[in-house]
N, C-alpha and C. Protein backbone atom coordinates (compact mmCIF):
# COMPACT_ATOMS: atom_id res chain seq x y z
N MET A 1 1.48 -40.41 -18.03
CA MET A 1 1.22 -39.66 -16.70
C MET A 1 0.37 -38.52 -17.01
N SER A 2 -0.82 -38.39 -16.22
CA SER A 2 -1.73 -37.32 -16.26
C SER A 2 -1.13 -36.06 -15.66
N GLY A 3 -1.48 -34.87 -16.28
CA GLY A 3 -1.03 -33.63 -15.92
C GLY A 3 -1.76 -33.04 -14.67
N PRO A 4 -1.38 -31.89 -14.19
CA PRO A 4 -2.04 -31.31 -13.00
C PRO A 4 -3.47 -30.82 -13.39
N VAL A 5 -4.20 -30.50 -12.34
CA VAL A 5 -5.53 -29.78 -12.51
C VAL A 5 -5.17 -28.45 -12.32
N ILE A 6 -5.34 -27.47 -13.32
CA ILE A 6 -5.07 -26.04 -13.19
C ILE A 6 -6.40 -25.34 -13.25
N GLU A 7 -6.59 -24.48 -12.18
CA GLU A 7 -7.91 -23.76 -11.96
C GLU A 7 -7.56 -22.18 -11.78
N SER A 8 -8.41 -21.45 -12.46
CA SER A 8 -8.29 -20.06 -12.14
C SER A 8 -8.87 -19.73 -10.68
N LEU A 9 -8.33 -18.77 -10.10
CA LEU A 9 -8.74 -18.30 -8.75
C LEU A 9 -9.70 -17.15 -8.75
N GLY A 10 -10.10 -16.70 -9.97
CA GLY A 10 -11.07 -15.67 -10.17
C GLY A 10 -10.39 -14.17 -10.17
N ILE A 11 -9.11 -14.26 -10.29
CA ILE A 11 -8.25 -13.00 -10.36
C ILE A 11 -7.36 -13.22 -11.58
N GLU A 12 -7.27 -12.35 -12.45
CA GLU A 12 -6.47 -12.51 -13.64
C GLU A 12 -4.89 -12.60 -13.14
N GLY A 13 -4.33 -13.78 -13.65
CA GLY A 13 -2.90 -14.02 -13.21
C GLY A 13 -2.79 -14.88 -11.96
N ALA A 14 -3.84 -15.38 -11.51
CA ALA A 14 -3.80 -16.26 -10.31
C ALA A 14 -4.34 -17.46 -10.58
N TRP A 15 -3.52 -18.68 -10.36
CA TRP A 15 -3.95 -19.94 -10.70
C TRP A 15 -3.70 -20.94 -9.53
N ALA A 16 -4.57 -21.94 -9.34
CA ALA A 16 -4.17 -22.96 -8.31
C ALA A 16 -3.85 -24.22 -9.19
N VAL A 17 -2.80 -24.97 -8.85
CA VAL A 17 -2.32 -26.04 -9.54
C VAL A 17 -2.17 -27.26 -8.68
N THR A 18 -3.08 -28.35 -8.96
CA THR A 18 -3.16 -29.53 -8.06
C THR A 18 -2.46 -30.73 -8.82
N PRO A 19 -1.33 -31.22 -8.36
CA PRO A 19 -0.65 -32.19 -9.14
C PRO A 19 -1.38 -33.50 -8.97
N ARG A 20 -1.00 -34.42 -9.92
CA ARG A 20 -1.36 -35.86 -9.70
C ARG A 20 -0.26 -36.54 -8.94
N GLN A 21 -0.74 -37.29 -7.88
CA GLN A 21 0.27 -37.98 -7.06
C GLN A 21 0.03 -39.52 -7.23
N PHE A 22 1.30 -40.11 -7.31
CA PHE A 22 1.32 -41.52 -7.53
C PHE A 22 2.06 -42.11 -6.31
N GLY A 23 1.29 -42.97 -5.36
CA GLY A 23 1.92 -43.49 -4.25
C GLY A 23 1.84 -45.00 -4.22
N ASP A 24 2.77 -45.56 -3.48
CA ASP A 24 2.81 -46.98 -3.17
C ASP A 24 3.46 -47.19 -1.85
N ASP A 25 3.79 -48.39 -1.53
CA ASP A 25 4.42 -48.67 -0.11
C ASP A 25 5.75 -47.98 -0.01
N ARG A 26 6.40 -47.49 -1.14
CA ARG A 26 7.66 -46.77 -0.91
C ARG A 26 7.48 -45.29 -0.67
N GLY A 27 6.41 -44.81 -0.96
CA GLY A 27 6.11 -43.23 -0.80
C GLY A 27 5.31 -42.72 -1.91
N VAL A 28 5.65 -41.52 -2.32
CA VAL A 28 4.91 -40.76 -3.27
C VAL A 28 5.70 -40.18 -4.38
N PHE A 29 5.30 -40.16 -5.61
CA PHE A 29 5.95 -39.33 -6.68
C PHE A 29 4.93 -38.42 -7.23
N LEU A 30 5.41 -37.24 -7.66
CA LEU A 30 4.60 -36.29 -8.36
C LEU A 30 5.43 -35.33 -9.10
N GLU A 31 4.89 -34.77 -10.19
CA GLU A 31 5.62 -33.65 -10.90
C GLU A 31 5.13 -32.30 -10.26
N SER A 32 5.99 -31.66 -9.48
CA SER A 32 5.61 -30.49 -8.71
C SER A 32 5.43 -29.24 -9.63
N PHE A 33 6.14 -29.39 -10.71
CA PHE A 33 6.06 -28.08 -11.65
C PHE A 33 6.11 -28.57 -13.16
N ARG A 34 5.11 -28.05 -13.94
CA ARG A 34 5.07 -28.43 -15.35
C ARG A 34 4.92 -27.07 -16.10
N GLY A 35 6.08 -26.36 -16.45
CA GLY A 35 5.91 -25.11 -17.15
C GLY A 35 5.15 -25.22 -18.46
N ASP A 36 5.35 -26.36 -19.10
CA ASP A 36 4.72 -26.57 -20.39
C ASP A 36 3.33 -26.63 -20.41
N LEU A 37 2.58 -27.11 -19.21
CA LEU A 37 1.31 -27.29 -19.12
C LEU A 37 0.62 -25.97 -18.43
N LEU A 38 1.48 -25.29 -17.76
CA LEU A 38 1.03 -23.96 -17.13
C LEU A 38 0.97 -22.92 -18.19
N GLU A 39 1.92 -22.98 -19.22
CA GLU A 39 2.03 -21.86 -20.22
C GLU A 39 0.74 -21.56 -20.82
N PRO A 40 -0.24 -22.47 -21.36
CA PRO A 40 -1.42 -22.11 -22.01
C PRO A 40 -2.39 -21.25 -21.17
N HIS A 41 -2.24 -21.40 -19.84
CA HIS A 41 -3.12 -20.67 -18.94
C HIS A 41 -2.60 -19.25 -18.73
N VAL A 42 -1.28 -19.15 -18.51
CA VAL A 42 -0.63 -17.86 -18.16
C VAL A 42 -0.34 -17.09 -19.37
N GLY A 43 -0.22 -17.74 -20.45
CA GLY A 43 0.12 -17.01 -21.82
C GLY A 43 1.61 -17.01 -22.19
N HIS A 44 2.41 -17.43 -21.29
CA HIS A 44 3.85 -17.52 -21.53
C HIS A 44 4.60 -18.40 -20.62
N ARG A 45 5.61 -18.83 -20.89
CA ARG A 45 6.53 -19.78 -20.20
C ARG A 45 7.04 -19.02 -18.94
N LEU A 46 6.95 -19.63 -17.77
CA LEU A 46 7.61 -18.99 -16.52
C LEU A 46 9.19 -19.23 -16.64
N ASP A 47 9.84 -18.14 -16.63
CA ASP A 47 11.29 -18.19 -16.76
C ASP A 47 11.86 -18.09 -15.30
N VAL A 48 12.21 -19.32 -14.81
CA VAL A 48 12.72 -19.26 -13.46
C VAL A 48 14.13 -18.89 -13.27
N VAL A 49 14.34 -17.84 -12.58
CA VAL A 49 15.72 -17.28 -12.40
C VAL A 49 16.13 -17.33 -10.98
N GLN A 50 15.26 -17.68 -9.94
CA GLN A 50 15.62 -17.70 -8.65
C GLN A 50 14.66 -18.61 -7.85
N THR A 51 15.21 -19.37 -6.96
CA THR A 51 14.37 -20.23 -6.13
C THR A 51 14.57 -19.95 -4.71
N ASN A 52 13.44 -19.68 -3.90
CA ASN A 52 13.52 -19.40 -2.52
C ASN A 52 12.88 -20.48 -1.69
N LEU A 53 13.33 -20.63 -0.53
CA LEU A 53 12.81 -21.46 0.58
C LEU A 53 12.71 -20.86 1.85
N SER A 54 11.44 -20.81 2.46
CA SER A 54 11.28 -20.26 3.76
C SER A 54 10.71 -21.21 4.70
N VAL A 55 11.18 -21.27 5.93
CA VAL A 55 10.69 -22.11 6.93
C VAL A 55 10.05 -21.39 8.05
N SER A 56 8.85 -21.73 8.39
CA SER A 56 8.10 -20.86 9.33
C SER A 56 7.39 -21.56 10.45
N ALA A 57 7.47 -21.02 11.62
CA ALA A 57 6.82 -21.57 12.85
C ALA A 57 5.26 -21.29 12.69
N ALA A 58 4.53 -22.04 13.36
CA ALA A 58 3.02 -21.97 13.23
C ALA A 58 2.66 -20.50 13.68
N GLY A 59 1.80 -19.94 12.92
CA GLY A 59 1.29 -18.61 13.14
C GLY A 59 2.08 -17.49 12.49
N VAL A 60 3.19 -17.78 11.86
CA VAL A 60 4.04 -16.83 11.18
C VAL A 60 3.30 -16.40 9.96
N LEU A 61 3.06 -15.08 9.78
CA LEU A 61 2.43 -14.52 8.73
C LEU A 61 3.56 -13.67 7.80
N ARG A 62 3.75 -14.01 6.62
CA ARG A 62 4.64 -13.33 5.69
C ARG A 62 3.84 -12.70 4.60
N GLY A 63 4.15 -11.33 4.46
CA GLY A 63 3.50 -10.59 3.33
C GLY A 63 2.69 -9.42 4.00
N LEU A 64 1.99 -8.66 3.22
CA LEU A 64 1.68 -8.93 1.87
C LEU A 64 2.68 -8.23 0.89
N HIS A 65 3.31 -8.98 0.09
CA HIS A 65 4.48 -8.42 -0.67
C HIS A 65 4.14 -8.42 -2.18
N TYR A 66 4.87 -7.42 -2.77
CA TYR A 66 4.88 -7.25 -4.29
C TYR A 66 5.95 -6.50 -4.65
N ALA A 67 6.21 -6.27 -6.01
CA ALA A 67 7.30 -5.66 -6.54
C ALA A 67 6.93 -4.78 -7.71
N ASP A 68 7.59 -3.64 -7.93
CA ASP A 68 7.27 -2.71 -9.08
C ASP A 68 7.28 -3.54 -10.46
N ILE A 69 6.37 -2.98 -11.27
CA ILE A 69 6.42 -3.51 -12.74
C ILE A 69 6.95 -2.30 -13.58
N PRO A 70 7.81 -2.69 -14.50
CA PRO A 70 8.51 -3.93 -14.67
C PRO A 70 9.79 -4.03 -13.78
N PRO A 71 10.42 -5.20 -13.58
CA PRO A 71 9.89 -6.54 -14.14
C PRO A 71 9.05 -7.15 -12.98
N SER A 72 8.92 -6.61 -11.87
CA SER A 72 8.21 -7.31 -10.73
C SER A 72 8.72 -8.61 -10.44
N GLN A 73 7.87 -9.69 -10.05
CA GLN A 73 8.38 -11.00 -9.85
C GLN A 73 7.11 -11.94 -9.85
N ALA A 74 6.98 -12.76 -10.81
CA ALA A 74 6.07 -13.83 -10.78
C ALA A 74 6.54 -14.96 -9.89
N LYS A 75 5.62 -15.62 -9.22
CA LYS A 75 6.00 -16.68 -8.28
C LYS A 75 5.06 -17.97 -8.54
N TYR A 76 5.73 -19.19 -8.42
CA TYR A 76 5.01 -20.41 -8.40
C TYR A 76 5.40 -20.91 -7.02
N VAL A 77 4.23 -21.00 -6.13
CA VAL A 77 4.66 -21.16 -4.72
C VAL A 77 3.86 -22.67 -4.35
N THR A 78 4.68 -23.41 -3.61
CA THR A 78 4.13 -24.61 -3.07
C THR A 78 4.77 -24.86 -1.68
N CYS A 79 4.00 -25.68 -0.79
CA CYS A 79 4.54 -25.89 0.52
C CYS A 79 4.94 -27.43 0.60
N VAL A 80 6.30 -27.61 0.76
CA VAL A 80 6.78 -28.95 0.64
C VAL A 80 6.75 -29.65 1.90
N SER A 81 6.52 -28.89 2.92
CA SER A 81 6.35 -29.66 4.29
C SER A 81 5.58 -28.77 5.22
N GLY A 82 4.58 -29.30 5.90
CA GLY A 82 3.64 -28.54 6.75
C GLY A 82 2.49 -28.03 6.04
N ALA A 83 1.92 -26.93 6.46
CA ALA A 83 0.67 -26.28 5.86
C ALA A 83 0.84 -24.84 5.95
N VAL A 84 0.29 -24.23 4.93
CA VAL A 84 0.08 -22.70 4.96
C VAL A 84 -1.21 -22.31 4.31
N LEU A 85 -1.80 -21.25 4.70
CA LEU A 85 -2.90 -20.53 3.96
C LEU A 85 -2.32 -19.50 3.10
N ASP A 86 -2.31 -19.69 1.86
CA ASP A 86 -1.71 -18.83 0.87
C ASP A 86 -2.70 -17.86 0.31
N VAL A 87 -2.40 -16.49 0.32
CA VAL A 87 -3.37 -15.58 -0.11
C VAL A 87 -2.85 -14.73 -1.14
N LEU A 88 -3.69 -14.38 -2.27
CA LEU A 88 -3.20 -13.59 -3.30
C LEU A 88 -4.24 -12.34 -3.27
N VAL A 89 -3.83 -11.21 -3.50
CA VAL A 89 -4.65 -10.03 -3.51
C VAL A 89 -4.41 -9.21 -4.85
N ASP A 90 -5.46 -8.83 -5.62
CA ASP A 90 -5.20 -7.88 -6.68
C ASP A 90 -5.08 -6.48 -6.20
N ILE A 91 -3.83 -6.02 -6.32
CA ILE A 91 -3.57 -4.66 -5.88
C ILE A 91 -3.23 -3.79 -7.12
N ARG A 92 -3.65 -4.16 -8.28
CA ARG A 92 -3.27 -3.44 -9.67
C ARG A 92 -4.41 -2.35 -9.74
N VAL A 93 -4.00 -1.18 -9.59
CA VAL A 93 -4.88 -0.08 -9.70
C VAL A 93 -5.64 -0.01 -11.07
N GLY A 94 -6.93 -0.04 -11.07
CA GLY A 94 -7.60 0.00 -12.32
C GLY A 94 -8.10 -1.38 -12.79
N SER A 95 -7.68 -2.46 -12.02
CA SER A 95 -8.15 -3.73 -12.39
C SER A 95 -9.58 -4.01 -12.02
N PRO A 96 -10.40 -4.73 -12.75
CA PRO A 96 -11.78 -4.97 -12.48
C PRO A 96 -11.92 -5.74 -11.18
N THR A 97 -10.85 -6.40 -10.71
CA THR A 97 -11.05 -7.11 -9.46
C THR A 97 -10.09 -6.55 -8.39
N PHE A 98 -9.85 -5.25 -8.59
CA PHE A 98 -8.81 -4.47 -7.51
C PHE A 98 -9.55 -4.69 -6.02
N GLY A 99 -8.59 -5.22 -5.21
CA GLY A 99 -8.98 -5.32 -3.81
C GLY A 99 -9.52 -6.76 -3.53
N ARG A 100 -9.71 -7.56 -4.57
CA ARG A 100 -10.24 -8.91 -4.35
C ARG A 100 -9.09 -9.94 -3.97
N SER A 101 -9.38 -10.75 -3.05
CA SER A 101 -8.37 -11.80 -2.60
C SER A 101 -8.83 -13.26 -2.88
N ALA A 102 -7.96 -14.04 -2.92
CA ALA A 102 -8.20 -15.52 -3.05
C ALA A 102 -7.31 -16.25 -2.13
N SER A 103 -7.84 -17.32 -1.47
CA SER A 103 -7.04 -18.04 -0.51
C SER A 103 -6.99 -19.49 -0.95
N VAL A 104 -5.82 -20.08 -0.82
CA VAL A 104 -5.65 -21.47 -1.09
C VAL A 104 -4.81 -22.24 -0.02
N LEU A 105 -5.40 -23.40 0.35
CA LEU A 105 -4.50 -24.14 1.40
C LEU A 105 -3.49 -24.83 0.67
N LEU A 106 -2.28 -24.64 1.04
CA LEU A 106 -0.95 -25.37 0.42
C LEU A 106 -0.45 -26.21 1.59
N ASP A 107 -0.31 -27.57 1.25
CA ASP A 107 0.22 -28.38 2.31
C ASP A 107 0.93 -29.66 1.72
N ASP A 108 1.35 -30.49 2.63
CA ASP A 108 2.16 -31.62 2.17
C ASP A 108 1.17 -32.85 2.03
N VAL A 109 -0.18 -32.65 1.78
CA VAL A 109 -1.07 -33.67 1.62
C VAL A 109 -1.57 -33.60 0.09
N ASP A 110 -2.19 -32.52 -0.26
CA ASP A 110 -2.58 -32.29 -1.71
C ASP A 110 -1.36 -31.84 -2.44
N ARG A 111 -0.41 -31.16 -1.84
CA ARG A 111 0.85 -30.71 -2.57
C ARG A 111 0.42 -29.61 -3.66
N ARG A 112 -0.61 -28.98 -3.41
CA ARG A 112 -1.04 -27.94 -4.35
C ARG A 112 -0.20 -26.81 -4.47
N ALA A 113 -0.09 -26.04 -5.58
CA ALA A 113 0.64 -24.96 -5.76
C ALA A 113 -0.14 -23.77 -6.27
N VAL A 114 0.30 -22.44 -6.22
CA VAL A 114 -0.22 -21.46 -6.77
C VAL A 114 0.73 -20.61 -7.66
N TYR A 115 0.12 -20.07 -8.74
CA TYR A 115 0.91 -19.25 -9.69
C TYR A 115 0.38 -17.79 -9.34
N VAL A 116 1.37 -16.81 -9.13
CA VAL A 116 1.09 -15.50 -8.78
C VAL A 116 1.71 -14.57 -9.79
N ALA A 117 0.99 -13.93 -10.62
CA ALA A 117 1.56 -13.02 -11.66
C ALA A 117 2.10 -11.84 -11.18
N GLU A 118 3.00 -11.16 -11.98
CA GLU A 118 3.55 -10.01 -11.56
C GLU A 118 2.49 -8.93 -11.34
N GLY A 119 2.79 -8.13 -10.11
CA GLY A 119 1.74 -7.16 -9.80
C GLY A 119 0.73 -7.52 -8.86
N LEU A 120 0.62 -8.85 -8.60
CA LEU A 120 -0.39 -9.18 -7.49
C LEU A 120 0.36 -9.22 -6.12
N GLY A 121 -0.43 -9.11 -5.15
CA GLY A 121 0.14 -9.09 -3.76
C GLY A 121 0.04 -10.55 -3.23
N HIS A 122 1.07 -10.97 -2.46
CA HIS A 122 1.11 -12.40 -1.99
C HIS A 122 1.46 -12.41 -0.56
N ALA A 123 0.88 -13.37 0.16
CA ALA A 123 1.16 -13.57 1.63
C ALA A 123 0.70 -14.94 2.01
N PHE A 124 1.25 -15.42 3.07
CA PHE A 124 0.81 -16.68 3.64
C PHE A 124 0.91 -16.73 5.03
N MET A 125 0.16 -17.63 5.75
CA MET A 125 0.27 -17.86 7.19
C MET A 125 0.62 -19.31 7.38
N SER A 126 1.54 -19.63 8.19
CA SER A 126 1.90 -20.98 8.56
C SER A 126 0.80 -21.60 9.54
N LEU A 127 0.46 -22.81 9.09
CA LEU A 127 -0.51 -23.55 9.95
C LEU A 127 0.09 -24.74 10.63
N ALA A 128 1.45 -24.81 10.65
CA ALA A 128 2.11 -25.96 11.24
C ALA A 128 3.60 -25.56 11.58
N GLY A 129 4.17 -26.13 12.63
CA GLY A 129 5.50 -25.75 12.83
C GLY A 129 6.43 -26.28 11.85
N GLY A 130 7.40 -25.49 11.45
CA GLY A 130 8.39 -25.81 10.39
C GLY A 130 7.76 -25.88 9.00
N SER A 131 6.70 -25.08 8.67
CA SER A 131 6.18 -25.22 7.36
C SER A 131 7.22 -24.77 6.37
N ALA A 132 7.58 -25.43 5.37
CA ALA A 132 8.64 -25.17 4.35
C ALA A 132 7.87 -24.68 2.94
N VAL A 133 8.03 -23.47 2.63
CA VAL A 133 7.42 -22.95 1.36
C VAL A 133 8.56 -22.69 0.27
N MET A 134 8.29 -23.28 -0.84
CA MET A 134 9.24 -23.15 -1.95
C MET A 134 8.64 -22.11 -2.91
N TYR A 135 9.48 -21.20 -3.45
CA TYR A 135 9.03 -20.25 -4.51
C TYR A 135 9.96 -20.43 -5.66
N LEU A 136 9.32 -20.55 -6.87
CA LEU A 136 10.08 -20.44 -8.12
C LEU A 136 9.75 -19.01 -8.63
N CYS A 137 10.75 -18.16 -8.92
CA CYS A 137 10.62 -16.72 -9.10
C CYS A 137 11.20 -16.50 -10.53
N SER A 138 10.47 -15.54 -11.24
CA SER A 138 10.81 -15.04 -12.49
C SER A 138 11.89 -13.95 -12.58
N ALA A 139 12.23 -13.39 -11.37
CA ALA A 139 13.20 -12.24 -11.36
C ALA A 139 13.86 -12.38 -9.98
N PRO A 140 15.09 -11.94 -9.96
CA PRO A 140 15.75 -11.97 -8.60
C PRO A 140 15.32 -10.94 -7.76
N TYR A 141 15.48 -11.20 -6.41
CA TYR A 141 15.03 -10.27 -5.42
C TYR A 141 15.75 -8.97 -5.59
N ALA A 142 14.99 -7.75 -5.56
CA ALA A 142 15.57 -6.43 -5.74
C ALA A 142 14.98 -5.55 -4.56
N PRO A 143 15.66 -5.41 -3.59
CA PRO A 143 15.18 -4.62 -2.36
C PRO A 143 14.58 -3.33 -2.63
N GLY A 144 15.20 -2.48 -3.58
CA GLY A 144 14.76 -1.23 -3.80
C GLY A 144 13.35 -1.22 -4.57
N ARG A 145 12.90 -2.33 -5.10
CA ARG A 145 11.72 -2.37 -5.88
C ARG A 145 10.59 -3.15 -5.16
N GLU A 146 10.94 -3.58 -3.90
CA GLU A 146 10.00 -4.47 -3.21
C GLU A 146 9.11 -3.58 -2.34
N HIS A 147 7.82 -3.97 -2.14
CA HIS A 147 6.90 -3.13 -1.33
C HIS A 147 6.07 -4.12 -0.51
N GLY A 148 5.18 -3.59 0.42
CA GLY A 148 4.27 -4.41 1.12
C GLY A 148 3.00 -3.63 1.54
N VAL A 149 2.06 -4.46 1.76
CA VAL A 149 0.68 -3.88 2.36
C VAL A 149 0.52 -4.77 3.66
N ASN A 150 0.07 -3.97 4.66
CA ASN A 150 -0.20 -4.67 6.00
C ASN A 150 -1.24 -5.77 5.71
N PRO A 151 -0.92 -7.05 5.99
CA PRO A 151 -1.83 -8.18 5.60
C PRO A 151 -2.97 -8.23 6.63
N LEU A 152 -2.80 -7.45 7.71
CA LEU A 152 -4.06 -7.32 8.72
C LEU A 152 -4.91 -6.30 8.46
N ASP A 153 -4.76 -5.44 7.33
CA ASP A 153 -5.54 -4.29 7.00
C ASP A 153 -6.99 -4.74 6.80
N PRO A 154 -7.96 -4.15 7.66
CA PRO A 154 -9.40 -4.73 7.55
C PRO A 154 -9.97 -4.40 6.13
N GLU A 155 -9.52 -3.55 5.50
CA GLU A 155 -10.00 -3.32 4.03
C GLU A 155 -9.74 -4.54 3.13
N LEU A 156 -8.69 -5.30 3.32
CA LEU A 156 -8.49 -6.45 2.65
C LEU A 156 -9.50 -7.58 2.88
N GLY A 157 -10.02 -7.61 4.04
CA GLY A 157 -11.15 -8.51 4.44
C GLY A 157 -10.51 -10.03 4.46
N ILE A 158 -9.23 -10.24 4.71
CA ILE A 158 -8.68 -11.60 4.76
C ILE A 158 -9.12 -12.30 6.15
N ASP A 159 -9.61 -13.51 5.93
CA ASP A 159 -9.93 -14.28 7.16
C ASP A 159 -8.87 -15.20 7.51
N TRP A 160 -7.84 -14.63 8.36
CA TRP A 160 -6.67 -15.37 8.69
C TRP A 160 -7.07 -16.39 9.65
N PRO A 161 -6.63 -17.61 9.70
CA PRO A 161 -6.93 -18.58 10.66
C PRO A 161 -6.63 -18.27 12.02
N SER A 162 -7.34 -18.86 12.97
CA SER A 162 -7.08 -18.59 14.39
C SER A 162 -6.49 -19.88 15.02
N ALA A 163 -6.47 -20.94 14.18
CA ALA A 163 -6.03 -22.26 14.73
C ALA A 163 -5.08 -22.91 13.62
N ASP A 164 -4.13 -23.65 14.14
CA ASP A 164 -3.35 -24.42 13.26
C ASP A 164 -4.02 -25.59 12.68
N ARG A 165 -3.34 -26.40 11.94
CA ARG A 165 -4.16 -27.55 11.27
C ARG A 165 -4.44 -28.63 12.18
N ASP A 166 -3.96 -28.59 13.35
CA ASP A 166 -4.27 -29.64 14.33
C ASP A 166 -5.32 -29.05 15.37
N GLY A 167 -5.79 -27.76 15.13
CA GLY A 167 -6.72 -27.17 15.87
C GLY A 167 -6.20 -26.44 17.20
N ARG A 168 -4.87 -26.20 17.23
CA ARG A 168 -4.34 -25.45 18.32
C ARG A 168 -4.46 -23.89 18.01
N PRO A 169 -4.81 -23.11 18.97
CA PRO A 169 -4.83 -21.68 18.69
C PRO A 169 -3.60 -20.89 18.30
N ILE A 170 -3.64 -20.09 17.32
CA ILE A 170 -2.55 -19.42 16.80
C ILE A 170 -2.77 -17.85 16.68
N THR A 171 -1.80 -17.13 16.76
CA THR A 171 -2.08 -15.66 16.42
C THR A 171 -1.05 -15.27 15.45
N PRO A 172 -1.38 -14.20 14.61
CA PRO A 172 -0.34 -13.81 13.61
C PRO A 172 1.01 -13.35 14.24
N ILE A 173 2.03 -13.76 13.62
CA ILE A 173 3.40 -13.33 14.02
C ILE A 173 4.02 -12.70 12.84
N LEU A 174 4.22 -11.41 12.88
CA LEU A 174 4.63 -10.68 11.75
C LEU A 174 5.98 -10.06 11.97
N SER A 175 6.72 -9.82 10.90
CA SER A 175 8.03 -8.99 11.06
C SER A 175 7.62 -7.52 11.31
N ASP A 176 8.69 -6.92 11.82
CA ASP A 176 8.39 -5.33 11.93
C ASP A 176 8.10 -4.74 10.70
N LYS A 177 8.71 -5.20 9.61
CA LYS A 177 8.54 -4.57 8.38
C LYS A 177 7.12 -4.74 7.87
N ASP A 178 6.55 -5.95 8.06
CA ASP A 178 5.12 -6.33 7.50
C ASP A 178 4.23 -5.49 8.43
N ARG A 179 4.51 -5.53 9.71
CA ARG A 179 3.60 -4.91 10.71
C ARG A 179 3.42 -3.36 10.32
N ASP A 180 4.51 -2.78 9.99
CA ASP A 180 4.58 -1.35 9.76
C ASP A 180 4.11 -0.90 8.41
N ALA A 181 3.93 -1.85 7.47
CA ALA A 181 3.53 -1.61 6.13
C ALA A 181 2.23 -0.81 6.07
N PRO A 182 2.04 0.02 4.98
CA PRO A 182 0.87 0.82 4.86
C PRO A 182 -0.32 -0.08 4.61
N THR A 183 -1.48 0.47 4.88
CA THR A 183 -2.73 -0.10 4.40
C THR A 183 -2.90 -0.15 2.89
N LEU A 184 -3.86 -0.89 2.34
CA LEU A 184 -4.11 -0.64 0.90
C LEU A 184 -4.38 0.74 0.44
N SER A 185 -5.27 1.38 1.14
CA SER A 185 -5.66 2.75 0.75
C SER A 185 -4.42 3.65 0.88
N GLU A 186 -3.67 3.60 2.00
CA GLU A 186 -2.40 4.40 2.15
C GLU A 186 -1.43 4.17 0.94
N ALA A 187 -1.16 2.79 0.53
CA ALA A 187 -0.33 2.57 -0.51
C ALA A 187 -0.81 3.12 -1.85
N ARG A 188 -2.11 3.13 -2.00
CA ARG A 188 -2.67 3.54 -3.21
C ARG A 188 -2.65 5.12 -3.33
N ASP A 189 -2.85 5.71 -2.10
CA ASP A 189 -2.85 7.19 -2.17
C ASP A 189 -1.38 7.71 -2.38
N ALA A 190 -0.39 6.87 -1.93
CA ALA A 190 0.96 7.18 -1.98
C ALA A 190 1.58 6.91 -3.40
N GLY A 191 0.66 6.26 -4.29
CA GLY A 191 1.20 5.96 -5.59
C GLY A 191 2.05 4.74 -5.68
N LEU A 192 2.05 3.95 -4.70
CA LEU A 192 3.02 2.81 -4.54
C LEU A 192 2.49 1.46 -5.24
N LEU A 193 1.16 1.40 -5.58
CA LEU A 193 0.75 0.21 -6.07
C LEU A 193 0.82 0.08 -7.56
N PRO A 194 0.97 -1.31 -8.12
CA PRO A 194 1.10 -1.31 -9.60
C PRO A 194 -0.13 -0.82 -10.25
N ASP A 195 0.12 -0.36 -11.52
CA ASP A 195 -0.97 0.02 -12.41
C ASP A 195 -1.44 -1.14 -13.26
N TYR A 196 -2.74 -1.33 -13.37
CA TYR A 196 -3.26 -2.50 -14.20
C TYR A 196 -2.90 -2.33 -15.66
N GLN A 197 -3.05 -1.13 -16.32
CA GLN A 197 -2.60 -1.14 -17.67
C GLN A 197 -1.03 -1.40 -17.84
N ALA A 198 -0.31 -0.93 -17.05
CA ALA A 198 1.13 -1.13 -17.08
C ALA A 198 1.33 -2.69 -16.91
N ALA A 199 0.67 -3.36 -16.16
CA ALA A 199 0.83 -4.84 -15.90
C ALA A 199 0.29 -5.44 -17.18
N GLN A 200 -0.76 -4.97 -17.82
CA GLN A 200 -1.22 -5.73 -19.01
C GLN A 200 -0.15 -5.54 -20.21
N GLY A 201 0.51 -4.41 -20.29
CA GLY A 201 1.47 -4.20 -21.30
C GLY A 201 2.69 -5.10 -20.98
N PHE A 202 3.08 -5.24 -19.79
CA PHE A 202 4.25 -6.14 -19.45
C PHE A 202 3.85 -7.63 -19.63
N TYR A 203 2.62 -8.13 -19.31
CA TYR A 203 2.23 -9.42 -19.66
C TYR A 203 2.28 -9.72 -21.11
N ALA A 204 1.85 -8.67 -21.92
CA ALA A 204 1.93 -8.87 -23.43
C ALA A 204 3.31 -8.98 -23.92
N SER A 205 4.29 -8.33 -23.26
CA SER A 205 5.63 -8.33 -23.65
C SER A 205 6.34 -9.69 -23.52
N LEU A 206 5.66 -10.54 -22.55
CA LEU A 206 6.24 -11.83 -22.23
C LEU A 206 5.78 -12.97 -23.15
N ARG A 207 4.67 -12.67 -23.89
CA ARG A 207 4.16 -13.67 -24.77
C ARG A 207 5.01 -13.99 -25.97
N PRO A 208 5.13 -15.15 -26.43
CA PRO A 208 5.93 -15.72 -27.42
C PRO A 208 5.93 -14.83 -28.71
N ASN A 209 4.60 -14.25 -29.12
CA ASN A 209 4.47 -13.17 -30.14
C ASN A 209 3.86 -12.01 -29.70
N PRO A 210 4.66 -11.11 -28.98
CA PRO A 210 4.13 -9.99 -28.38
C PRO A 210 3.44 -9.10 -29.42
N ASP A 211 2.44 -8.34 -28.94
CA ASP A 211 1.77 -7.35 -29.78
C ASP A 211 2.78 -6.31 -30.19
N PRO A 212 2.94 -6.00 -31.45
CA PRO A 212 3.80 -5.04 -31.86
C PRO A 212 3.54 -3.64 -31.43
N LYS A 213 2.34 -3.40 -30.94
CA LYS A 213 2.00 -2.09 -30.34
C LYS A 213 2.83 -1.87 -29.12
């Protein structure tokens, strides 16, 4: 069986994974996660310690979320039903791609997934009613270490959809917490964002043969 197609999203630690699907008159089979094949790209095996599932109405916008390093929380995200526009943002202060975003359509057609490294911001907008998103996480949820940036911050320059996948108009539906989150500049000025060098050190510690430094 052929493995998935794994592509860089132009941001260190961000990958899109498109699985091979095998269908017949009974349905479809695919390997939705192959940690052994993802490892050479990421640099270490994803240690899954928590799995989350969210179900969202069309227009629901969740994020932009991140967690303190260490340990933060790496995520492998896929949409098992429906469709979402998944967005990753480099919010690591000092990164050569700081402020850059990448968008990937996750749906129940291509069944693509994204890998989100620790220290990156993550958000998605549901493009269909009942969109179900599955997350494989490297660390458990820790409320005191979780933060957010307002996903509608103009500085981020994210082009959120104005229509669902059937062409019907939608507008962003945010939680109070996400709506009240600081802008990217406000979070940076407050010292809330991850540091790129600290993230690099943490990534190195996860490799099979970490640098003794």
